[in-house]
Amino acid sequence: MKFEIIDVDGLGRLGKIRVNNREMTTPNLFPVVHPFNNSVSILELEKIGAQCIFTNSFILYQNENLREKVRKEGIHNHLNFNGIVATDSGAFQQYFYDNQQFSIDSETIEKFQEDIESDFPVILDLPVQINDDYYTAKEKVNLTIKRAKENIVRRKSEKANWIGPIHGGIYTDLLSKSAIEMSKLDFAIYALGGLVKMFLDYRFELPVKMLLTVKKNITPNKPIHMFGLGLPQFFSLAVACGCDLMDSAAYILYAKENRYFTLSTGTKNLNELEEFPCNCPICSNYTPNDLKEFDKDLRIKLLAKHNLYVSFSELKTIRQSIREGNLWELVEQRVRCHPNLVNALRMIKDDRSFFEKYEKVYKNHGRLYSSEESLYRPLIFRYHKKLINTYRVPKEVLYLLILPELDLKGKNSPSIINWLNKLDRNAIINRQEIHIVFSSYIYGIVPIELIDTFPLGQYESIEFNNSNSLLNNNYKLIIEQYFKKNFSKYHKCAILIPDFYLDQYKQKIKFSEHNVINSLKSIISPFYKSNLAVFKEIDSVLNFFKGDE
């Protein structure tokens, strides 16, 4: 197998996997199919966009009539599928139904997967249940690692590119151990398991925590798979946190319960819908009432196909967002469909330093900050770190002037342009002695000499206000850190807070009393005392600085 990474955003990776003369893009979804009984045919899956599928070798092996036939013809011919085929060992059935009376052994089922020429077979692992106690989980992790080592010794087929499962459940130390130990073994793909029951209960914080734990400890040159991830509203967050591949039968299982995938409001019951909020071939040709009147099998098939169209459409959107560098913007849109997704996204704040290591230095487009969660982005964390650790105040300056951000950021606002012109033409203070910085909702402090650099040069944000506790805490922290390091560089500090300003349409606008710059004086007054003042006009600022001479 060859895994080529083409582009990245967040921890998401746009790539290609080539295996046995077949190719697929990442991130991607393996729809789970039954080995011989599918509501949606394999041909229909291909037409909808499936480049890869997942099926169960254990079910095939149990069927004595098919077992030898599939051995002879191979899994691709049996399924009549030209793409990439992955096969499960049957461990999922043991996990999901908690079946301890499992009638297969590792050597037999793993050899069978080689015999049928699976592209990506899975070892017979022992998934950790969400309610397993620590001792039980530890035993399962150790046994899975032991079986993985035995698989390395036994494997013979060069066509089989094995998937190595990683387990540990809610126990992060066990997940870390599993990831580290499995990284030492030669597997083509590493797959995080034990997730399905969490997804069914919408416990999204747990899979995010588990995925990030694995991502920190796994070898970075192999794809990361998530077993059982089938909810498209979670795809973008999972990809942003490092998921390359996923598999699921959710498209058909939800259809059997009359459940319909959407990206804006999560899953809906067919009985709740008067119209389909989608334009896929199913939703374009039928109404909800049509489907309700169809017989059960046809209704399930059509709902399942819609669910697949939504899933593959979302993956295309995610891949394009990686190309454009907009993955975080997409994630912030998608999580709005459920509060538990928002809570899961907020968990990244504890791992910003980890995300920042992989964040691009430069992107082709400006950033959009449209929610409170935007403040957690690794790009902002990186800027704050560089501002405090590497930024140097120009040597010739004596005075600091802090300007507010207006509707147009940086030097593009008509009022900012007017203020800067007055400073440049003034005959009171040497312009080189005045250091100008902007008070920013997002970035805290933005020196004017950096205003045309990425990511400061072009961005749009919602208008936060000083009643937002998260904003206040972030803002206060970066301001305090900046002045602890640099206050001695300035003899005096002036803050300009106008009564009115001109917006981009040249309309006179009252300056908001809720702008964060209104809290600035109380934050930095301990550093300057009498050498700090707030003004409404530039002329007053210049006279304040002149009084220092």
Protein backbone atom coordinates (compact mmCIF):
# COMPACT_ATOMS: atom_id res chain seq x y z
CA MET A 1 0.00 0.00 0.00
CA LYS A 2 1.10 3.54 -0.76
CA PHE A 3 -0.35 6.49 1.17
CA GLU A 4 0.34 9.87 -0.41
CA ILE A 5 -0.57 13.05 1.45
CA ILE A 6 -1.47 15.85 -0.98
CA ASP A 7 -2.70 18.62 1.31
CA VAL A 8 -3.52 19.24 4.96
CA ASP A 9 -5.70 21.46 7.13
CA GLY A 10 -6.05 21.08 10.87
CA LEU A 11 -5.13 17.43 11.39
CA GLY A 12 -7.13 16.56 8.28
CA ARG A 13 -5.23 15.06 5.36
CA LEU A 14 -6.24 15.05 1.71
CA GLY A 15 -4.51 12.07 0.19
CA LYS A 16 -4.50 9.02 -2.02
CA ILE A 17 -4.24 5.36 -1.11
CA ARG A 18 -3.04 2.95 -3.79
CA VAL A 19 -3.35 -0.75 -3.10
CA ASN A 20 -3.36 -3.76 -5.44
CA ASN A 21 -3.72 -1.53 -8.52
CA ARG A 22 -6.72 0.22 -7.01
CA GLU A 23 -6.96 3.80 -5.75
CA MET A 24 -9.07 5.85 -3.38
CA THR A 25 -8.96 9.39 -2.01
CA THR A 26 -8.87 10.34 1.64
CA PRO A 27 -10.74 11.21 3.74
CA ASN A 28 -13.24 8.57 2.66
CA LEU A 29 -16.02 6.28 3.80
CA PHE A 30 -16.24 2.49 3.49
CA PRO A 31 -19.98 1.71 3.34
CA VAL A 32 -20.54 -1.57 5.18
CA VAL A 33 -22.25 -4.13 2.96
CA HIS A 34 -23.62 -7.58 3.68
CA PRO A 35 -21.66 -10.31 1.84
CA PHE A 36 -24.74 -11.50 -0.07
CA ASN A 37 -27.89 -9.60 0.95
CA ASN A 38 -27.94 -5.85 0.30
CA SER A 39 -30.83 -3.41 -0.06
CA VAL A 40 -28.56 -1.10 -2.06
CA SER A 41 -26.71 -3.05 -4.75
CA ILE A 42 -22.95 -2.84 -5.19
CA LEU A 43 -23.45 -1.28 -8.61
CA GLU A 44 -25.64 1.42 -7.08
CA LEU A 45 -23.00 2.07 -4.40
CA GLU A 46 -20.41 2.65 -7.11
CA LYS A 47 -22.71 5.05 -8.95
CA ILE A 48 -23.32 7.01 -5.75
CA GLY A 49 -19.57 7.41 -5.25
CA ALA A 50 -18.17 4.50 -3.23
CA GLN A 51 -14.50 3.86 -3.99
CA CYS A 52 -14.25 1.31 -1.20
CA ILE A 53 -16.54 -0.97 0.78
CA PHE A 54 -16.37 -2.98 4.00
CA THR A 55 -17.85 -6.45 4.36
CA ASN A 56 -17.79 -9.22 6.94
CA SER A 57 -15.59 -12.23 6.32
CA PHE A 58 -16.98 -14.03 9.38
CA ILE A 59 -20.50 -14.10 7.91
CA LEU A 60 -19.07 -15.49 4.68
CA TYR A 61 -17.02 -18.08 6.51
CA GLN A 62 -20.05 -19.28 8.44
CA ASN A 63 -21.95 -19.88 5.19
CA GLU A 64 -20.68 -23.29 4.11
CA ASN A 65 -22.29 -22.96 0.67
CA LEU A 66 -20.39 -19.76 -0.08
CA ARG A 67 -17.13 -20.28 1.80
CA GLU A 68 -15.26 -22.29 -0.84
CA LYS A 69 -16.88 -20.46 -3.72
CA VAL A 70 -15.56 -17.11 -2.46
CA ARG A 71 -12.15 -18.67 -1.82
CA LYS A 72 -11.96 -19.62 -5.48
CA GLU A 73 -13.36 -16.49 -7.09
CA GLY A 74 -12.11 -13.88 -4.61
CA ILE A 75 -14.04 -11.25 -2.69
CA HIS A 76 -13.98 -8.66 -5.50
CA ASN A 77 -15.56 -11.05 -8.00
CA HIS A 78 -18.03 -12.31 -5.42
CA LEU A 79 -19.22 -8.76 -4.69
CA ASN A 80 -18.75 -7.65 -8.33
CA PHE A 81 -16.91 -4.57 -7.07
CA ASN A 82 -13.93 -3.01 -8.84
CA GLY A 83 -12.87 -0.79 -5.95
CA ILE A 84 -11.08 -1.46 -2.67
CA VAL A 85 -12.53 -4.06 -0.31
CA ALA A 86 -11.89 -4.24 3.42
CA THR A 87 -13.09 -7.17 5.51
CA ASP A 88 -13.91 -7.45 9.19
CA SER A 89 -13.01 -10.54 11.15
CA GLY A 90 -16.34 -10.67 12.97
CA ALA A 91 -15.04 -8.97 16.09
CA PHE A 92 -17.60 -6.19 15.64
CA GLN A 93 -20.45 -8.67 16.11
CA GLN A 94 -18.78 -9.80 19.29
CA TYR A 95 -18.39 -6.20 20.46
CA PHE A 96 -21.79 -4.82 19.49
CA TYR A 97 -23.86 -7.74 20.70
CA ASP A 98 -21.46 -8.53 23.55
CA ASN A 99 -21.30 -12.14 22.37
CA GLN A 100 -18.70 -13.96 24.43
CA GLN A 101 -19.43 -17.31 22.78
CA PHE A 102 -17.46 -16.54 19.64
CA SER A 103 -17.07 -19.52 17.31
CA ILE A 104 -13.93 -18.62 15.38
CA ASP A 105 -10.22 -18.36 16.12
CA SER A 106 -7.73 -15.77 14.93
CA GLU A 107 -5.66 -18.02 12.70
CA THR A 108 -8.66 -19.44 10.82
CA ILE A 109 -10.48 -16.18 10.09
CA GLU A 110 -7.31 -14.27 9.25
CA LYS A 111 -6.17 -16.96 6.80
CA PHE A 112 -9.63 -16.91 5.23
CA GLN A 113 -9.34 -13.16 4.63
CA GLU A 114 -6.03 -13.72 2.87
CA ASP A 115 -7.54 -16.56 0.82
CA ILE A 116 -10.37 -14.37 -0.50
CA GLU A 117 -7.85 -11.61 -1.37
CA SER A 118 -9.19 -8.85 0.82
CA ASP A 119 -7.31 -5.58 0.22
CA PHE A 120 -7.63 -4.55 3.86
CA PRO A 121 -8.33 -7.44 6.24
CA VAL A 122 -8.71 -6.87 9.97
CA ILE A 123 -7.19 -9.07 12.65
CA LEU A 124 -9.48 -10.75 15.17
CA ASP A 125 -9.26 -8.07 17.83
CA LEU A 126 -11.11 -7.78 21.13
CA PRO A 127 -12.95 -4.43 21.23
CA VAL A 128 -13.34 -2.63 24.55
CA GLN A 129 -16.93 -2.02 25.63
CA ILE A 130 -17.83 1.47 26.88
CA ASN A 131 -18.95 -0.04 30.21
CA ASP A 132 -15.90 -2.27 30.66
CA ASP A 133 -14.05 -1.71 33.93
CA TYR A 134 -10.36 -0.82 33.78
CA TYR A 135 -9.12 -4.36 34.43
CA THR A 136 -11.32 -5.85 31.68
CA ALA A 137 -10.32 -3.13 29.22
CA LYS A 138 -6.63 -3.69 29.99
CA GLU A 139 -6.96 -7.44 29.39
CA LYS A 140 -8.64 -6.81 26.02
CA VAL A 141 -5.97 -4.33 24.97
CA ASN A 142 -3.18 -6.74 25.88
CA LEU A 143 -4.87 -9.61 24.07
CA THR A 144 -5.41 -7.52 20.92
CA ILE A 145 -1.71 -6.55 20.91
CA LYS A 146 -0.76 -10.19 21.39
CA ARG A 147 -2.96 -11.24 18.46
CA ALA A 148 -1.48 -8.45 16.34
CA LYS A 149 2.03 -9.78 16.95
CA GLU A 150 0.89 -13.30 16.09
CA ASN A 151 -0.66 -11.98 12.88
CA ILE A 152 2.69 -10.49 11.85
CA VAL A 153 4.28 -13.93 12.08
CA ARG A 154 1.45 -15.80 10.33
CA ARG A 155 0.59 -13.52 7.43
CA LYS A 156 1.65 -14.74 3.98
CA SER A 157 -0.23 -12.89 1.25
CA GLU A 158 1.43 -9.81 -0.23
CA LYS A 159 -1.99 -8.56 -1.34
CA ALA A 160 -3.32 -8.36 2.20
CA ASN A 161 -2.65 -4.95 3.76
CA TRP A 162 -3.66 -5.49 7.35
CA ILE A 163 -5.65 -3.12 9.54
CA GLY A 164 -4.39 -2.92 13.13
CA PRO A 165 -7.14 -2.10 15.65
CA ILE A 166 -6.46 0.23 18.56
CA HIS A 167 -8.48 -0.07 21.74
CA GLY A 168 -8.71 1.31 25.24
CA GLY A 169 -12.20 2.75 25.42
CA ILE A 170 -12.53 5.65 27.82
CA TYR A 171 -9.15 4.89 29.45
CA THR A 172 -6.64 7.23 27.82
CA ASP A 173 -3.58 5.47 29.23
CA LEU A 174 -4.72 2.21 27.64
CA LEU A 175 -5.41 3.99 24.35
CA SER A 176 -1.92 5.49 24.46
CA LYS A 177 -0.38 2.11 25.19
CA SER A 178 -2.35 0.46 22.40
CA ALA A 179 -1.35 3.15 19.88
CA ILE A 180 2.33 3.02 20.84
CA GLU A 181 2.55 -0.77 20.77
CA MET A 182 0.61 -1.11 17.50
CA SER A 183 2.84 1.56 15.89
CA LYS A 184 5.77 -0.80 16.40
CA LEU A 185 4.04 -3.40 14.24
CA ASP A 186 3.73 -3.37 10.45
CA PHE A 187 0.13 -2.50 9.69
CA ALA A 188 -1.10 -0.58 6.65
CA ILE A 189 -3.89 1.20 8.52
CA TYR A 190 -4.50 1.76 12.22
CA ALA A 191 -8.14 1.76 13.27
CA LEU A 192 -9.74 3.11 16.43
CA GLY A 193 -12.50 0.82 17.68
CA GLY A 194 -15.20 0.61 20.32
CA LEU A 195 -17.02 3.75 19.12
CA VAL A 196 -20.40 2.69 17.73
CA LYS A 197 -22.32 2.79 20.99
CA MET A 198 -20.96 6.27 21.68
CA PHE A 199 -22.18 7.50 18.30
CA LEU A 200 -25.60 5.95 18.84
CA ASP A 201 -25.91 7.91 22.10
CA TYR A 202 -24.50 11.12 20.52
CA ARG A 203 -21.63 11.10 23.05
CA PHE A 204 -19.36 12.92 20.60
CA GLU A 205 -16.88 14.19 23.17
CA LEU A 206 -15.64 10.66 23.88
CA PRO A 207 -14.68 9.78 20.27
CA VAL A 208 -12.91 13.14 19.90
CA LYS A 209 -10.95 12.57 23.10
CA MET A 210 -10.09 9.03 22.05
CA LEU A 211 -9.06 10.05 18.52
CA LEU A 212 -6.77 12.83 19.75
CA THR A 213 -5.18 10.47 22.28
CA VAL A 214 -4.42 8.00 19.50
CA LYS A 215 -3.25 10.70 17.10
CA LYS A 216 -0.66 11.92 19.61
CA ASN A 217 0.80 8.45 20.05
CA ILE A 218 0.50 6.77 16.65
CA THR A 219 3.02 6.78 13.83
CA PRO A 220 2.07 9.71 11.55
CA ASN A 221 2.79 8.06 8.19
CA LYS A 222 -0.19 5.70 8.14
CA PRO A 223 -3.93 6.39 7.73
CA ILE A 224 -6.14 6.52 10.82
CA HIS A 225 -9.49 4.75 10.51
CA MET A 226 -12.52 5.07 12.81
CA PHE A 227 -14.68 1.96 13.04
CA GLY A 228 -18.42 2.65 12.92
CA LEU A 229 -18.37 6.37 12.10
CA GLY A 230 -21.41 6.92 9.89
CA LEU A 231 -23.02 10.20 10.98
CA PRO A 232 -22.14 12.79 8.29
CA GLN A 233 -22.61 15.73 10.68
CA PHE A 234 -19.60 14.39 12.63
CA PHE A 235 -17.36 13.75 9.60
CA SER A 236 -15.75 17.20 9.41
CA LEU A 237 -14.88 17.34 13.12
CA ALA A 238 -13.45 13.82 12.99
CA VAL A 239 -11.34 14.70 9.94
CA ALA A 240 -10.12 17.94 11.55
CA CYS A 241 -9.00 15.83 14.53
CA GLY A 242 -7.05 13.38 12.36
CA CYS A 243 -9.44 10.78 10.96
CA ASP A 244 -8.54 9.67 7.42
CA LEU A 245 -11.00 6.81 6.89
CA MET A 246 -14.24 5.55 8.38
CA ASP A 247 -16.74 2.75 7.85
CA SER A 248 -20.36 2.35 8.80
CA ALA A 249 -23.64 0.62 8.09
CA ALA A 250 -25.53 3.61 9.54
CA TYR A 251 -26.86 4.57 6.11
CA ILE A 252 -28.91 1.35 5.98
CA LEU A 253 -29.52 0.81 9.71
CA TYR A 254 -30.98 4.29 10.08
CA ALA A 255 -33.06 3.80 6.94
CA LYS A 256 -34.61 0.70 8.50
CA GLU A 257 -35.82 2.99 11.30
CA ASN A 258 -37.20 5.55 8.78
CA ARG A 259 -34.38 7.95 9.67
CA TYR A 260 -33.18 10.48 7.12
CA PHE A 261 -29.72 12.12 7.17
CA THR A 262 -29.40 15.90 7.06
CA LEU A 263 -26.38 18.10 7.73
CA SER A 264 -28.24 21.06 9.16
CA THR A 265 -30.50 19.37 11.70
CA GLY A 266 -29.00 15.91 12.16
CA THR A 267 -31.14 12.84 11.50
CA LYS A 268 -34.87 13.25 11.04
CA ASN A 269 -37.67 10.72 11.16
CA LEU A 270 -39.49 10.39 7.86
CA ASN A 271 -42.79 11.06 9.64
CA GLU A 272 -41.51 14.53 10.65
CA LEU A 273 -40.94 15.66 7.07
CA GLU A 274 -43.38 17.42 4.77
CA GLU A 275 -40.62 18.22 2.25
CA PHE A 276 -37.14 16.85 1.68
CA PRO A 277 -34.46 19.51 2.42
CA CYS A 278 -32.18 17.95 -0.20
CA ASN A 279 -31.77 17.81 -3.96
CA CYS A 280 -30.18 14.38 -4.39
CA PRO A 281 -31.77 12.05 -7.01
CA ILE A 282 -33.99 10.45 -4.35
CA CYS A 283 -35.26 13.71 -2.89
CA SER A 284 -35.69 15.24 -6.36
CA ASN A 285 -37.94 12.42 -7.57
CA TYR A 286 -39.96 11.60 -4.46
CA THR A 287 -41.71 13.34 -1.60
CA PRO A 288 -41.85 12.15 2.01
CA ASN A 289 -45.45 11.10 1.43
CA ASP A 290 -44.37 9.03 -1.56
CA LEU A 291 -41.88 7.09 0.56
CA LYS A 292 -44.42 6.56 3.32
CA GLU A 293 -46.75 4.88 0.82
CA PHE A 294 -44.10 2.58 -0.65
CA ASP A 295 -43.61 -0.95 0.63
CA LYS A 296 -41.04 -1.31 3.40
CA ASP A 297 -38.19 -2.71 1.31
CA LEU A 298 -38.39 0.02 -1.32
CA ARG A 299 -38.70 2.74 1.34
CA ILE A 300 -35.59 1.42 3.11
CA LYS A 301 -33.63 1.27 -0.14
CA LEU A 302 -34.51 4.84 -1.14
CA LEU A 303 -33.77 6.24 2.33
CA ALA A 304 -30.46 4.36 2.42
CA LYS A 305 -29.48 5.76 -0.97
CA HIS A 306 -30.30 9.28 0.18
CA ASN A 307 -28.22 8.75 3.32
CA LEU A 308 -25.31 7.66 1.14
CA TYR A 309 -25.68 10.66 -1.18
CA VAL A 310 -25.52 12.97 1.83
CA SER A 311 -22.51 11.13 3.25
CA PHE A 312 -20.47 11.22 0.05
CA SER A 313 -21.47 14.80 -0.68
CA GLU A 314 -20.18 15.79 2.74
CA LEU A 315 -16.88 14.01 2.12
CA LYS A 316 -16.45 15.92 -1.14
CA THR A 317 -17.15 19.15 0.75
CA ILE A 318 -14.58 18.22 3.39
CA ARG A 319 -11.91 17.40 0.83
CA GLN A 320 -12.52 20.68 -0.97
CA SER A 321 -12.36 22.58 2.31
CA ILE A 322 -8.93 21.05 2.97
CA ARG A 323 -7.77 22.22 -0.46
CA GLU A 324 -9.00 25.73 0.31
CA GLY A 325 -7.77 25.77 3.91
CA ASN A 326 -11.31 26.23 5.25
CA LEU A 327 -11.78 23.04 7.25
CA TRP A 328 -12.19 24.82 10.61
CA GLU A 329 -14.85 27.10 9.11
CA LEU A 330 -16.74 24.03 7.88
CA VAL A 331 -16.49 22.31 11.26
CA GLU A 332 -17.92 25.35 13.04
CA GLN A 333 -20.90 25.32 10.66
CA ARG A 334 -21.57 21.59 10.99
CA VAL A 335 -21.46 21.31 14.77
CA ARG A 336 -24.40 23.72 15.07
CA CYS A 337 -26.82 20.89 14.31
CA HIS A 338 -26.40 19.40 17.80
CA PRO A 339 -25.22 20.79 21.18
CA ASN A 340 -23.11 17.69 21.84
CA LEU A 341 -21.13 18.39 18.68
CA VAL A 342 -20.46 21.94 19.88
CA ASN A 343 -19.24 20.55 23.20
CA ALA A 344 -17.00 18.10 21.36
CA LEU A 345 -15.46 20.90 19.29
CA ARG A 346 -14.74 22.93 22.41
CA MET A 347 -12.52 20.12 23.63
CA ILE A 348 -9.82 21.16 21.15
CA LYS A 349 -8.93 24.14 23.35
CA ASP A 350 -6.99 21.77 25.61
CA ASP A 351 -4.94 20.51 22.65
CA ARG A 352 -4.24 23.73 20.77
CA SER A 353 -0.49 23.32 21.06
CA PHE A 354 -0.76 19.87 19.44
CA PHE A 355 -2.92 21.17 16.58
CA GLU A 356 -0.62 24.15 16.09
CA LYS A 357 2.31 21.87 15.21
CA TYR A 358 0.45 20.76 12.09
CA GLU A 359 -1.17 24.07 11.16
CA LYS A 360 -0.11 25.55 7.83
CA VAL A 361 2.17 28.58 7.95
CA TYR A 362 0.23 30.26 5.15
CA LYS A 363 -3.14 29.89 3.41
CA ASN A 364 -4.44 31.42 0.20
CA HIS A 365 -7.56 32.98 1.68
CA GLY A 366 -8.45 35.15 4.64
CA ARG A 367 -10.03 33.57 7.70
CA LEU A 368 -13.67 33.73 8.76
CA TYR A 369 -14.42 33.71 12.48
CA SER A 370 -18.13 33.16 12.93
CA SER A 371 -18.57 31.63 16.38
CA GLU A 372 -17.17 31.61 19.89
CA GLU A 373 -15.38 28.37 19.04
CA SER A 374 -13.32 30.27 16.45
CA LEU A 375 -11.25 31.56 19.35
CA TYR A 376 -9.92 28.03 19.89
CA ARG A 377 -8.35 27.74 16.47
CA PRO A 378 -4.68 26.72 16.39
CA LEU A 379 -3.91 29.62 14.04
CA ILE A 380 -4.88 32.12 16.75
CA PHE A 381 -2.94 30.14 19.35
CA ARG A 382 0.12 30.28 17.08
CA TYR A 383 -0.16 34.04 16.62
CA HIS A 384 -0.40 34.61 20.37
CA LYS A 385 2.61 32.41 20.95
CA LYS A 386 4.68 34.25 18.36
CA LEU A 387 3.53 37.66 19.58
CA ILE A 388 4.75 36.90 23.09
CA ASN A 389 7.84 34.82 22.31
CA THR A 390 9.32 36.26 19.10
CA TYR A 391 7.82 39.69 18.39
CA ARG A 392 10.08 42.73 19.04
CA VAL A 393 8.86 46.30 19.47
CA PRO A 394 10.60 48.69 17.01
CA LYS A 395 13.66 50.21 18.72
CA GLU A 396 12.95 53.86 17.93
CA VAL A 397 9.49 54.08 19.50
CA LEU A 398 8.73 56.02 22.69
CA TYR A 399 4.93 56.06 22.71
CA LEU A 400 2.18 53.52 22.20
CA LEU A 401 -1.16 54.33 20.57
CA ILE A 402 -3.85 51.65 20.69
CA LEU A 403 -6.57 51.95 18.05
CA PRO A 404 -9.85 50.01 17.96
CA GLU A 405 -10.72 47.55 15.24
CA LEU A 406 -13.67 48.86 13.26
CA ASP A 407 -15.93 47.22 10.69
CA LEU A 408 -13.02 46.93 8.25
CA LYS A 409 -9.96 45.42 9.86
CA GLY A 410 -6.57 47.08 10.00
CA LYS A 411 -5.79 50.06 7.77
CA ASN A 412 -8.78 49.64 5.45
CA SER A 413 -11.36 51.53 7.51
CA PRO A 414 -12.09 55.12 6.40
CA SER A 415 -11.73 56.36 9.99
CA ILE A 416 -8.45 54.47 10.49
CA ILE A 417 -7.11 55.95 7.25
CA ASN A 418 -8.03 59.43 8.45
CA TRP A 419 -6.35 58.89 11.84
CA LEU A 420 -3.18 57.54 10.27
CA ASN A 421 -3.00 60.48 7.86
CA LYS A 422 -3.24 62.90 10.78
CA LEU A 423 -0.43 61.09 12.57
CA ASP A 424 1.76 61.03 9.48
CA ARG A 425 1.29 64.77 8.87
CA ASN A 426 1.54 65.95 12.46
CA ALA A 427 4.24 68.44 13.47
CA ILE A 428 4.09 67.69 17.21
CA ILE A 429 5.68 64.25 17.61
CA ASN A 430 8.16 62.43 15.39
CA ARG A 431 6.00 59.82 13.69
CA GLN A 432 8.71 57.16 14.09
CA GLU A 433 8.43 57.49 17.86
CA ILE A 434 4.75 56.43 17.87
CA HIS A 435 4.04 52.73 17.79
CA ILE A 436 0.51 51.91 16.63
CA VAL A 437 -1.23 48.68 17.51
CA PHE A 438 -4.84 47.57 17.10
CA SER A 439 -7.04 46.18 19.83
CA SER A 440 -8.49 43.04 18.23
CA TYR A 441 -11.46 40.91 19.23
CA ILE A 442 -9.69 37.85 17.87
CA TYR A 443 -5.95 38.47 18.17
CA GLY A 444 -5.73 40.75 21.19
CA ILE A 445 -2.91 43.03 20.02
CA VAL A 446 -2.02 43.54 16.35
CA PRO A 447 1.05 45.74 15.65
CA ILE A 448 0.48 47.88 12.58
CA GLU A 449 3.67 46.67 10.91
CA LEU A 450 2.22 43.12 10.88
CA ILE A 451 -1.20 44.10 9.57
CA ASP A 452 -0.56 42.90 6.01
CA THR A 453 0.83 39.51 7.04
CA PHE A 454 -1.04 36.20 7.34
CA PRO A 455 -3.33 35.65 9.19
CA LEU A 456 -3.79 39.30 10.19
CA GLY A 457 -3.99 40.77 6.70
CA GLN A 458 -7.46 39.57 5.82
CA TYR A 459 -10.14 38.16 8.05
CA GLU A 460 -13.77 38.68 8.91
CA SER A 461 -15.39 38.00 12.27
CA ILE A 462 -18.70 38.33 14.02
CA GLU A 463 -18.88 41.24 16.43
CA PHE A 464 -18.05 39.90 19.85
CA ASN A 465 -18.67 42.14 22.84
CA ASN A 466 -17.19 42.53 26.28
CA SER A 467 -19.98 40.51 27.90
CA ASN A 468 -18.51 37.35 26.38
CA SER A 469 -16.53 35.66 29.16
CA LEU A 470 -14.42 33.54 26.82
CA LEU A 471 -13.50 36.57 24.76
CA ASN A 472 -12.72 38.57 27.89
CA ASN A 473 -10.48 35.86 29.29
CA ASN A 474 -8.56 35.40 26.03
CA TYR A 475 -8.28 39.12 25.46
CA LYS A 476 -7.15 39.88 28.99
CA LEU A 477 -4.57 37.10 28.93
CA ILE A 478 -2.87 38.19 25.71
CA ILE A 479 -2.95 41.88 26.73
CA GLU A 480 -1.35 41.13 30.10
CA GLN A 481 1.32 38.93 28.52
CA TYR A 482 2.15 41.56 25.91
CA PHE A 483 2.54 44.37 28.44
CA LYS A 484 4.47 42.29 30.96
CA LYS A 485 7.06 41.86 28.25
CA ASN A 486 6.91 45.25 26.52
CA PHE A 487 5.55 47.98 28.82
CA SER A 488 9.04 49.34 29.54
CA LYS A 489 9.52 50.07 25.81
CA TYR A 490 6.94 52.88 25.96
CA HIS A 491 7.09 56.10 28.00
CA LYS A 492 3.37 56.65 27.60
CA CYS A 493 0.36 54.74 26.34
CA ALA A 494 -2.78 56.25 24.79
CA ILE A 495 -6.03 54.49 23.91
CA LEU A 496 -8.26 55.99 21.24
CA ILE A 497 -11.98 55.30 21.76
CA PRO A 498 -14.07 57.55 19.48
CA ASP A 499 -17.68 58.51 19.97
CA PHE A 500 -18.37 57.89 16.27
CA TYR A 501 -16.58 56.46 13.25
CA LEU A 502 -17.16 56.14 9.49
CA ASP A 503 -17.91 52.61 8.33
CA GLN A 504 -16.98 51.14 4.94
CA TYR A 505 -20.07 52.77 3.40
CA LYS A 506 -19.02 56.18 4.76
CA GLN A 507 -21.92 56.19 7.20
CA LYS A 508 -21.46 57.73 10.62
CA ILE A 509 -21.76 54.99 13.25
CA LYS A 510 -21.85 55.28 17.03
CA PHE A 511 -18.92 53.38 18.53
CA SER A 512 -20.13 50.44 20.61
CA GLU A 513 -19.81 50.67 24.36
CA HIS A 514 -19.50 46.88 24.36
CA ASN A 515 -16.28 46.83 22.30
CA VAL A 516 -13.51 45.05 24.21
CA ILE A 517 -11.24 48.09 23.94
CA ASN A 518 -13.40 49.69 26.64
CA SER A 519 -11.97 47.23 29.15
CA LEU A 520 -8.38 47.85 28.06
CA LYS A 521 -7.52 50.67 30.45
CA SER A 522 -8.34 48.62 33.55
CA ILE A 523 -6.14 45.77 32.29
CA ILE A 524 -3.00 47.81 31.58
CA SER A 525 -3.30 50.63 34.13
CA PRO A 526 -1.09 48.75 36.66
CA PHE A 527 1.76 49.04 34.15
CA TYR A 528 1.53 52.81 33.47
CA LYS A 529 -0.54 54.60 36.13
CA SER A 530 -0.42 58.33 35.20
CA ASN A 531 1.26 57.63 31.85
CA LEU A 532 -1.91 56.03 30.50
CA ALA A 533 -4.97 57.86 29.18
CA VAL A 534 -8.03 57.38 26.98
CA PHE A 535 -8.88 59.90 24.25
CA LYS A 536 -11.56 60.51 21.64
CA GLU A 537 -9.46 62.48 19.14
CA ILE A 538 -5.99 62.07 17.61
CA ASP A 539 -5.01 65.69 18.40
CA SER A 540 -5.50 65.03 22.12
CA VAL A 541 -3.30 61.94 21.85
CA LEU A 542 -0.47 63.94 20.27
CA ASN A 543 -0.64 66.61 22.97
CA PHE A 544 -0.55 63.88 25.63
CA PHE A 545 2.63 62.46 24.12
CA LYS A 546 4.15 65.96 23.75
CA GLY A 547 3.75 66.55 27.47
CA ASP A 548 6.43 63.92 28.03
CA GLU A 549 9.11 66.15 26.51
